[in-house]
Amino acid sequence: MLRELVVFGTPISLQSKRRRQQWQERVSHAARDAVPDEDPYFEEVSVALVYFYFGDTDLDVDNIAKPILDAMCGIVFADGGWISELTVRKTQLDRKAGSHRVEIQDPTPLLAGALDRALADRLDMVYISVSSAPDHSRLP
């Protein structure tokens, strides 16, 4: 099982109450578009969030995750209690002079297209992947 979506824009931190609702509506809309006729998962899932950005950011990864996950509840998974593994990452797309551009190995078609658009238009974006629960007998 794999459900994935992309939300263009800079994520709003859990600490930002004013704009958080607008960001969550954007995430919910993208989630509905990604799974238009499917029921939310009522089983354990693993979620990966990657914030791709240009320039500098002072966003904390833990504060990025909560508004996104809350916006996906009832759409992609029944509620946050079904998330048994969460990976959150920030990846800068415009590296400093002398370092290599980020290249993602074996991106899905959705991620590859979104990265092409982000790089062409210098857009920040969040890639979200929801998949089957991890093997709990193994540590990450």
Protein backbone atom coordinates (compact mmCIF):
# COMPACT_ATOMS: atom_id res chain seq x y z
CA MET A 1 0.00 0.00 0.00
CA LEU A 2 1.26 3.47 -0.81
CA ARG A 3 -0.50 6.78 -0.84
CA GLU A 4 1.47 9.88 -1.67
CA LEU A 5 0.82 13.54 -2.18
CA VAL A 6 2.65 16.81 -2.68
CA VAL A 7 1.75 20.19 -1.25
CA PHE A 8 3.51 23.19 -2.76
CA GLY A 9 4.40 26.01 -0.41
CA THR A 10 6.19 26.48 2.88
CA PRO A 11 4.71 24.45 5.73
CA ILE A 12 3.28 26.31 8.65
CA SER A 13 4.67 25.48 12.05
CA LEU A 14 2.49 24.19 14.85
CA GLN A 15 3.50 27.39 16.66
CA SER A 16 1.91 29.64 13.99
CA LYS A 17 -1.76 29.82 14.92
CA ARG A 18 -2.78 32.56 12.45
CA ARG A 19 -1.92 30.84 9.17
CA ARG A 20 -2.08 27.23 10.34
CA GLN A 21 -5.74 26.75 9.33
CA GLN A 22 -5.08 27.89 5.73
CA TRP A 23 -2.11 25.54 5.48
CA GLN A 24 -4.13 22.63 6.86
CA GLU A 25 -6.92 23.30 4.35
CA ARG A 26 -4.33 23.18 1.55
CA VAL A 27 -2.99 19.85 2.86
CA SER A 28 -6.53 18.42 3.27
CA HIS A 29 -7.40 19.43 -0.30
CA ALA A 30 -4.24 17.75 -1.65
CA ALA A 31 -5.02 14.62 0.38
CA ARG A 32 -8.57 14.45 -0.99
CA ASP A 33 -7.22 14.84 -4.53
CA ALA A 34 -4.70 12.05 -3.91
CA VAL A 35 -7.29 9.55 -2.63
CA PRO A 36 -10.63 10.78 -4.06
CA ASP A 37 -12.68 7.59 -3.78
CA GLU A 38 -10.83 5.64 -1.11
CA ASP A 39 -11.63 5.16 2.53
CA PRO A 40 -9.03 6.17 5.11
CA TYR A 41 -6.81 3.43 6.48
CA PHE A 42 -7.98 1.78 9.68
CA GLU A 43 -4.66 0.05 10.23
CA GLU A 44 -1.16 1.00 11.32
CA VAL A 45 0.74 3.11 8.82
CA SER A 46 4.17 4.58 8.34
CA VAL A 47 4.34 8.23 7.27
CA ALA A 48 7.28 10.03 5.67
CA LEU A 49 7.26 13.83 5.29
CA VAL A 50 10.00 15.64 3.40
CA TYR A 51 10.08 19.42 3.26
CA PHE A 52 12.05 20.50 0.17
CA TYR A 53 13.05 24.15 0.37
CA PHE A 54 15.21 26.89 -1.14
CA GLY A 55 17.42 29.25 0.84
CA ASP A 56 17.41 28.98 4.61
CA THR A 57 14.73 27.82 7.01
CA ASP A 58 14.36 27.95 10.74
CA LEU A 59 11.38 25.56 10.82
CA ASP A 60 11.74 22.69 13.28
CA VAL A 61 10.82 19.31 11.82
CA ASP A 62 8.71 18.39 14.84
CA ASN A 63 6.61 21.54 14.42
CA ILE A 64 6.14 20.90 10.68
CA ALA A 65 4.64 17.44 11.15
CA LYS A 66 1.66 17.97 13.48
CA PRO A 67 -0.41 20.38 11.31
CA ILE A 68 0.14 18.18 8.25
CA LEU A 69 -0.81 14.97 10.04
CA ASP A 70 -3.89 16.57 11.61
CA ALA A 71 -5.04 17.78 8.19
CA MET A 72 -4.80 14.25 6.77
CA CYS A 73 -6.84 12.60 9.54
CA GLY A 74 -10.08 11.11 8.29
CA ILE A 75 -8.88 11.37 4.68
CA VAL A 76 -5.75 9.24 4.34
CA PHE A 77 -5.81 7.47 7.71
CA ALA A 78 -8.63 7.29 10.22
CA ASP A 79 -6.79 9.21 12.93
CA GLY A 80 -3.29 9.90 14.20
CA GLY A 81 -3.41 6.86 16.48
CA TRP A 82 -2.87 4.63 13.44
CA ILE A 83 0.55 6.19 12.73
CA SER A 84 3.14 3.81 14.15
CA GLU A 85 6.18 5.31 12.43
CA LEU A 86 6.94 8.87 11.39
CA THR A 87 9.95 10.17 9.47
CA VAL A 88 10.31 13.92 8.98
CA ARG A 89 13.12 15.54 7.03
CA LYS A 90 14.15 18.94 5.67
CA THR A 91 16.08 18.90 2.38
CA GLN A 92 17.55 22.06 0.89
CA LEU A 93 17.22 22.13 -2.90
CA ASP A 94 19.72 24.91 -3.61
CA ARG A 95 22.96 23.81 -2.05
CA LYS A 96 25.72 26.26 -1.22
CA ALA A 97 28.52 26.84 -3.72
CA GLY A 98 30.78 23.83 -4.19
CA SER A 99 28.29 21.17 -3.18
CA HIS A 100 26.22 19.00 -5.48
CA ARG A 101 22.54 19.44 -6.25
CA VAL A 102 20.27 17.02 -4.42
CA GLU A 103 19.34 14.02 -6.53
CA ILE A 104 16.68 11.65 -5.25
CA GLN A 105 17.29 8.00 -6.08
CA ASP A 106 14.35 6.22 -7.74
CA PRO A 107 11.68 8.85 -7.08
CA THR A 108 8.08 7.90 -7.75
CA PRO A 109 6.58 9.54 -10.84
CA LEU A 110 4.64 11.96 -8.60
CA LEU A 111 7.75 13.00 -6.69
CA ALA A 112 9.86 13.30 -9.85
CA GLY A 113 7.30 15.59 -11.49
CA ALA A 114 6.88 17.69 -8.36
CA LEU A 115 10.65 18.10 -7.96
CA ASP A 116 10.95 19.19 -11.60
CA ARG A 117 8.28 21.83 -11.01
CA ALA A 118 9.80 22.95 -7.70
CA LEU A 119 13.26 23.31 -9.24
CA ALA A 120 11.98 25.12 -12.34
CA ASP A 121 9.85 27.59 -10.38
CA ARG A 122 11.88 27.67 -7.14
CA LEU A 123 8.90 26.48 -5.11
CA ASP A 124 9.10 25.00 -1.63
CA MET A 125 7.10 21.81 -1.26
CA VAL A 126 6.24 18.97 1.09
CA TYR A 127 6.21 15.38 -0.15
CA ILE A 128 4.11 13.00 1.96
CA SER A 129 4.13 9.23 1.67
CA VAL A 130 1.87 6.90 3.66
CA SER A 131 2.64 3.19 3.52
CA SER A 132 2.17 -0.05 5.42
CA ALA A 133 3.24 -0.23 9.03
CA PRO A 134 6.88 -1.06 9.69
CA ASP A 135 8.12 -4.41 10.88
CA HIS A 136 7.99 -3.85 14.65
CA SER A 137 10.54 -6.59 15.27
CA ARG A 138 13.23 -4.42 13.67
CA LEU A 139 14.49 -1.05 14.81
CA PRO A 140 14.98 1.69 12.20
